[in-house]
Amino acid sequence: MKVVIPTRLAEVSNSPPPEEPEDIAASWLLAETLALLNRYLFDGEPIYNSGIVDPKAKLTMDFGSRSWMETRLAFSRIAALCRKENVPLILVIHPAYAQHLDSRYPYTPAHEEVARWATQKKVTYVDMLPRITGSDRRTLQVIGDGHPNRLAFEQTARTLAPTVFRALTLPHR
């Protein structure tokens, strides 16, 4: 019986996955194990590298790609529907909490692109990155997962409270 172990790394790899299922299990398991070792032993620095995902590779974001265009279109439709129904829309942009929350943070261009779209569509947005830049990422993420934890959501709630209050008390059109 062959066992295939899918992981998040399959979604971010720049190289195609191996052809054989047993190669997929072994290589992606190796890549995930090395990523975890890097995270826990070396604070995320790319010390161990499986060769599958190059942690030093330059991150590229194609804002003209089909997925970005489809995402913008979907959000544009949501924004239009909210305007039509006079419902406030607030877009919250969270950083990738598994990344360093300082000048090394690799996804700033994505935050800027979302902010441009929101401004163009007149959608209220709150980007949490500037509010937590310089924070220790380990205190704000679910360890081993990278999603925001309780503390991160408490900060988000405190940040959003005035924006939500304004949205509920002011006319939206």
C-alpha atoms as a PDB file:
ATOM      1  CA  MET A   1       0.000   0.000   0.000  1.00  0.00           C
ATOM      2  CA  LYS A   2       1.378   3.396  -0.960  1.00  0.00           C
ATOM      3  CA  VAL A   3       0.927   6.325   1.398  1.00  0.00           C
ATOM      4  CA  VAL A   4       0.944   9.876   0.128  1.00  0.00           C
ATOM      5  CA  ILE A   5       1.448  12.586   2.720  1.00  0.00           C
ATOM      6  CA  PRO A   6       0.156  15.917   1.396  1.00  0.00           C
ATOM      7  CA  THR A   7       1.448  19.060   3.087  1.00  0.00           C
ATOM      8  CA  ARG A   8       1.208  22.813   2.791  1.00  0.00           C
ATOM      9  CA  LEU A   9       4.584  22.793   1.046  1.00  0.00           C
ATOM     10  CA  ALA A  10       2.992  21.344  -2.065  1.00  0.00           C
ATOM     11  CA  GLU A  11       1.136  24.623  -2.489  1.00  0.00           C
ATOM     12  CA  VAL A  12       4.196  26.876  -2.260  1.00  0.00           C
ATOM     13  CA  SER A  13       6.837  24.864  -4.088  1.00  0.00           C
ATOM     14  CA  ASN A  14       8.382  26.352  -7.199  1.00  0.00           C
ATOM     15  CA  SER A  15       9.348  22.905  -8.436  1.00  0.00           C
ATOM     16  CA  PRO A  16       6.941  20.240  -9.661  1.00  0.00           C
ATOM     17  CA  PRO A  17       6.203  17.380  -7.257  1.00  0.00           C
ATOM     18  CA  PRO A  18       7.819  14.005  -7.904  1.00  0.00           C
ATOM     19  CA  GLU A  19       6.020  11.616 -10.257  1.00  0.00           C
ATOM     20  CA  GLU A  20       5.874   8.523  -8.057  1.00  0.00           C
ATOM     21  CA  PRO A  21       3.567   8.551  -4.989  1.00  0.00           C
ATOM     22  CA  GLU A  22       6.242   7.097  -2.702  1.00  0.00           C
ATOM     23  CA  ASP A  23       8.632   9.845  -3.843  1.00  0.00           C
ATOM     24  CA  ILE A  24       5.976  12.418  -2.968  1.00  0.00           C
ATOM     25  CA  ALA A  25       5.602  10.988   0.525  1.00  0.00           C
ATOM     26  CA  ALA A  26       9.327  10.828   1.163  1.00  0.00           C
ATOM     27  CA  SER A  27      10.252  14.174  -0.378  1.00  0.00           C
ATOM     28  CA  TRP A  28       7.396  16.256   1.020  1.00  0.00           C
ATOM     29  CA  LEU A  29       7.801  14.641   4.434  1.00  0.00           C
ATOM     30  CA  LEU A  30      11.497  15.498   4.300  1.00  0.00           C
ATOM     31  CA  ALA A  31      10.754  19.078   3.245  1.00  0.00           C
ATOM     32  CA  GLU A  32       8.169  19.530   6.015  1.00  0.00           C
ATOM     33  CA  THR A  33      10.518  18.016   8.610  1.00  0.00           C
ATOM     34  CA  LEU A  34      13.356  20.312   7.578  1.00  0.00           C
ATOM     35  CA  ALA A  35      11.041  23.332   7.576  1.00  0.00           C
ATOM     36  CA  LEU A  36       9.977  22.481  11.135  1.00  0.00           C
ATOM     37  CA  LEU A  37      13.602  22.039  12.220  1.00  0.00           C
ATOM     38  CA  ASN A  38      14.442  25.428  10.714  1.00  0.00           C
ATOM     39  CA  ARG A  39      11.451  26.998  12.472  1.00  0.00           C
ATOM     40  CA  TYR A  40      12.062  25.557  15.922  1.00  0.00           C
ATOM     41  CA  LEU A  41      15.819  25.240  16.094  1.00  0.00           C
ATOM     42  CA  PHE A  42      16.949  28.187  13.999  1.00  0.00           C
ATOM     43  CA  ASP A  43      14.100  30.718  14.319  1.00  0.00           C
ATOM     44  CA  GLY A  44      13.014  30.083  10.740  1.00  0.00           C
ATOM     45  CA  GLU A  45      16.402  30.710   9.147  1.00  0.00           C
ATOM     46  CA  PRO A  46      16.990  28.396   6.155  1.00  0.00           C
ATOM     47  CA  ILE A  47      19.707  26.229   7.689  1.00  0.00           C
ATOM     48  CA  TYR A  48      18.441  22.856   6.443  1.00  0.00           C
ATOM     49  CA  ASN A  49      17.202  22.631   2.864  1.00  0.00           C
ATOM     50  CA  SER A  50      15.605  19.621   1.225  1.00  0.00           C
ATOM     51  CA  GLY A  51      16.150  21.055  -2.248  1.00  0.00           C
ATOM     52  CA  ILE A  52      12.413  20.781  -2.882  1.00  0.00           C
ATOM     53  CA  VAL A  53      11.481  24.249  -1.700  1.00  0.00           C
ATOM     54  CA  ASP A  54      14.298  26.758  -1.778  1.00  0.00           C
ATOM     55  CA  PRO A  55      13.841  28.915   1.335  1.00  0.00           C
ATOM     56  CA  LYS A  56      16.287  31.481  -0.055  1.00  0.00           C
ATOM     57  CA  ALA A  57      14.467  31.759  -3.382  1.00  0.00           C
ATOM     58  CA  LYS A  58      13.239  35.222  -4.251  1.00  0.00           C
ATOM     59  CA  LEU A  59       9.521  35.471  -3.639  1.00  0.00           C
ATOM     60  CA  THR A  60       7.652  36.592  -6.708  1.00  0.00           C
ATOM     61  CA  MET A  61       4.075  37.746  -6.758  1.00  0.00           C
ATOM     62  CA  ASP A  62       2.390  38.086 -10.103  1.00  0.00           C
ATOM     63  CA  PHE A  63      -0.409  40.573  -9.503  1.00  0.00           C
ATOM     64  CA  GLY A  64      -1.525  40.082 -13.093  1.00  0.00           C
ATOM     65  CA  SER A  65      -1.978  36.344 -12.623  1.00  0.00           C
ATOM     66  CA  ARG A  66      -5.318  34.676 -13.133  1.00  0.00           C
ATOM     67  CA  SER A  67      -5.700  33.888  -9.418  1.00  0.00           C
ATOM     68  CA  TRP A  68      -5.084  37.523  -8.397  1.00  0.00           C
ATOM     69  CA  MET A  69      -7.500  38.751 -11.072  1.00  0.00           C
ATOM     70  CA  GLU A  70     -10.164  36.254  -9.990  1.00  0.00           C
ATOM     71  CA  THR A  71      -9.682  37.215  -6.352  1.00  0.00           C
ATOM     72  CA  ARG A  72     -10.008  40.932  -7.120  1.00  0.00           C
ATOM     73  CA  LEU A  73     -13.096  40.260  -9.229  1.00  0.00           C
ATOM     74  CA  ALA A  74     -14.728  38.246  -6.441  1.00  0.00           C
ATOM     75  CA  PHE A  75     -13.966  40.942  -3.858  1.00  0.00           C
ATOM     76  CA  SER A  76     -15.217  43.619  -6.264  1.00  0.00           C
ATOM     77  CA  ARG A  77     -18.529  41.770  -6.558  1.00  0.00           C
ATOM     78  CA  ILE A  78     -18.764  41.477  -2.775  1.00  0.00           C
ATOM     79  CA  ALA A  79     -18.023  45.208  -2.403  1.00  0.00           C
ATOM     80  CA  ALA A  80     -20.647  46.113  -5.029  1.00  0.00           C
ATOM     81  CA  LEU A  81     -23.261  43.925  -3.345  1.00  0.00           C
ATOM     82  CA  CYS A  82     -22.491  45.465   0.053  1.00  0.00           C
ATOM     83  CA  ARG A  83     -22.826  48.986  -1.399  1.00  0.00           C
ATOM     84  CA  LYS A  84     -26.086  48.058  -3.113  1.00  0.00           C
ATOM     85  CA  GLU A  85     -27.528  46.640   0.111  1.00  0.00           C
ATOM     86  CA  ASN A  86     -26.066  49.463   2.240  1.00  0.00           C
ATOM     87  CA  VAL A  87     -24.009  47.001   4.291  1.00  0.00           C
ATOM     88  CA  PRO A  88     -20.613  48.112   5.598  1.00  0.00           C
ATOM     89  CA  LEU A  89     -17.653  46.067   4.394  1.00  0.00           C
ATOM     90  CA  ILE A  90     -14.367  45.991   6.299  1.00  0.00           C
ATOM     91  CA  LEU A  91     -11.442  44.087   4.838  1.00  0.00           C
ATOM     92  CA  VAL A  92      -8.878  42.910   7.383  1.00  0.00           C
ATOM     93  CA  ILE A  93      -5.426  41.995   6.123  1.00  0.00           C
ATOM     94  CA  HIS A  94      -3.472  39.725   8.443  1.00  0.00           C
ATOM     95  CA  PRO A  95       0.217  39.042   7.903  1.00  0.00           C
ATOM     96  CA  ALA A  96       1.609  35.546   7.535  1.00  0.00           C
ATOM     97  CA  TYR A  97       2.405  35.078  11.209  1.00  0.00           C
ATOM     98  CA  ALA A  98       4.981  32.343  10.537  1.00  0.00           C
ATOM     99  CA  GLN A  99       7.184  34.968   8.849  1.00  0.00           C
ATOM    100  CA  HIS A 100       9.434  37.471  10.588  1.00  0.00           C
ATOM    101  CA  LEU A 101       7.361  40.555  11.358  1.00  0.00           C
ATOM    102  CA  ASP A 102      10.062  43.066  10.517  1.00  0.00           C
ATOM    103  CA  SER A 103      12.008  44.238   7.460  1.00  0.00           C
ATOM    104  CA  ARG A 104      12.459  40.568   6.437  1.00  0.00           C
ATOM    105  CA  TYR A 105       8.699  40.083   6.000  1.00  0.00           C
ATOM    106  CA  PRO A 106       8.359  38.849   2.388  1.00  0.00           C
ATOM    107  CA  TYR A 107       4.705  39.601   1.631  1.00  0.00           C
ATOM    108  CA  THR A 108       4.606  43.394   1.993  1.00  0.00           C
ATOM    109  CA  PRO A 109       3.934  43.768  -1.766  1.00  0.00           C
ATOM    110  CA  ALA A 110       0.780  41.656  -1.379  1.00  0.00           C
ATOM    111  CA  HIS A 111      -0.422  43.869   1.483  1.00  0.00           C
ATOM    112  CA  GLU A 112       0.231  46.948  -0.675  1.00  0.00           C
ATOM    113  CA  GLU A 113      -1.641  45.447  -3.618  1.00  0.00           C
ATOM    114  CA  VAL A 114      -4.674  44.640  -1.463  1.00  0.00           C
ATOM    115  CA  ALA A 115      -4.587  48.167  -0.013  1.00  0.00           C
ATOM    116  CA  ARG A 116      -4.496  49.636  -3.557  1.00  0.00           C
ATOM    117  CA  TRP A 117      -7.507  47.556  -4.564  1.00  0.00           C
ATOM    118  CA  ALA A 118      -9.424  48.492  -1.405  1.00  0.00           C
ATOM    119  CA  THR A 119      -8.683  52.192  -1.894  1.00  0.00           C
ATOM    120  CA  GLN A 120      -9.703  52.020  -5.556  1.00  0.00           C
ATOM    121  CA  LYS A 121     -12.988  50.286  -4.672  1.00  0.00           C
ATOM    122  CA  LYS A 122     -13.570  52.554  -1.659  1.00  0.00           C
ATOM    123  CA  VAL A 123     -13.565  49.586   0.722  1.00  0.00           C
ATOM    124  CA  THR A 124     -12.557  50.183   4.319  1.00  0.00           C
ATOM    125  CA  TYR A 125      -9.522  48.083   5.104  1.00  0.00           C
ATOM    126  CA  VAL A 126      -7.352  47.465   8.125  1.00  0.00           C
ATOM    127  CA  ASP A 127      -3.874  46.023   7.643  1.00  0.00           C
ATOM    128  CA  MET A 128      -2.602  44.433  10.840  1.00  0.00           C
ATOM    129  CA  LEU A 129       1.019  44.271   9.663  1.00  0.00           C
ATOM    130  CA  PRO A 130       1.974  47.884  10.494  1.00  0.00           C
ATOM    131  CA  ARG A 131       0.366  47.483  13.913  1.00  0.00           C
ATOM    132  CA  ILE A 132       2.470  44.461  14.836  1.00  0.00           C
ATOM    133  CA  THR A 133       5.706  45.084  12.939  1.00  0.00           C
ATOM    134  CA  GLY A 134       8.588  44.405  15.299  1.00  0.00           C
ATOM    135  CA  SER A 135       6.582  41.921  17.385  1.00  0.00           C
ATOM    136  CA  ASP A 136       7.908  38.464  18.070  1.00  0.00           C
ATOM    137  CA  ARG A 137       6.035  36.281  15.592  1.00  0.00           C
ATOM    138  CA  ARG A 138       6.142  33.349  18.012  1.00  0.00           C
ATOM    139  CA  THR A 139       3.877  35.207  20.429  1.00  0.00           C
ATOM    140  CA  LEU A 140       1.216  35.854  17.783  1.00  0.00           C
ATOM    141  CA  GLN A 141       0.948  32.539  15.934  1.00  0.00           C
ATOM    142  CA  VAL A 142      -0.368  29.095  16.591  1.00  0.00           C
ATOM    143  CA  ILE A 143       2.982  27.338  16.858  1.00  0.00           C
ATOM    144  CA  GLY A 144       3.494  24.765  14.134  1.00  0.00           C
ATOM    145  CA  ASP A 145       0.612  26.243  12.154  1.00  0.00           C
ATOM    146  CA  GLY A 146       1.413  29.901  11.560  1.00  0.00           C
ATOM    147  CA  HIS A 147      -2.166  31.155  11.824  1.00  0.00           C
ATOM    148  CA  PRO A 148      -2.983  33.988  14.243  1.00  0.00           C
ATOM    149  CA  ASN A 149      -3.491  32.891  17.837  1.00  0.00           C
ATOM    150  CA  ARG A 150      -5.669  34.287  20.629  1.00  0.00           C
ATOM    151  CA  LEU A 151      -3.314  37.198  21.311  1.00  0.00           C
ATOM    152  CA  ALA A 152      -3.218  38.166  17.631  1.00  0.00           C
ATOM    153  CA  PHE A 153      -7.012  38.137  17.473  1.00  0.00           C
ATOM    154  CA  GLU A 154      -7.256  40.197  20.665  1.00  0.00           C
ATOM    155  CA  GLN A 155      -5.018  42.809  19.023  1.00  0.00           C
ATOM    156  CA  THR A 156      -7.145  42.624  15.883  1.00  0.00           C
ATOM    157  CA  ALA A 157     -10.336  43.139  17.893  1.00  0.00           C
ATOM    158  CA  ARG A 158      -8.871  46.174  19.705  1.00  0.00           C
ATOM    159  CA  THR A 159      -7.718  47.604  16.381  1.00  0.00           C
ATOM    160  CA  LEU A 160     -11.029  46.956  14.627  1.00  0.00           C
ATOM    161  CA  ALA A 161     -13.368  48.198  17.366  1.00  0.00           C
ATOM    162  CA  PRO A 162     -13.300  51.896  16.365  1.00  0.00           C
ATOM    163  CA  THR A 163     -13.591  51.032  12.650  1.00  0.00           C
ATOM    164  CA  VAL A 164     -16.565  48.737  13.265  1.00  0.00           C
ATOM    165  CA  PHE A 165     -18.223  51.359  15.488  1.00  0.00           C
ATOM    166  CA  ARG A 166     -17.841  54.012  12.766  1.00  0.00           C
ATOM    167  CA  ALA A 167     -19.129  51.597  10.122  1.00  0.00           C
ATOM    168  CA  LEU A 168     -22.241  50.859  12.175  1.00  0.00           C
ATOM    169  CA  THR A 169     -23.017  54.451  13.096  1.00  0.00           C
ATOM    170  CA  LEU A 170     -22.211  56.392   9.899  1.00  0.00           C
ATOM    171  CA  PRO A 171     -24.034  56.258   6.572  1.00  0.00           C
ATOM    172  CA  HIS A 172     -22.330  53.823   4.166  1.00  0.00           C
ATOM    173  CA  ARG A 173     -23.191  55.304   0.793  1.00  0.00           C
END
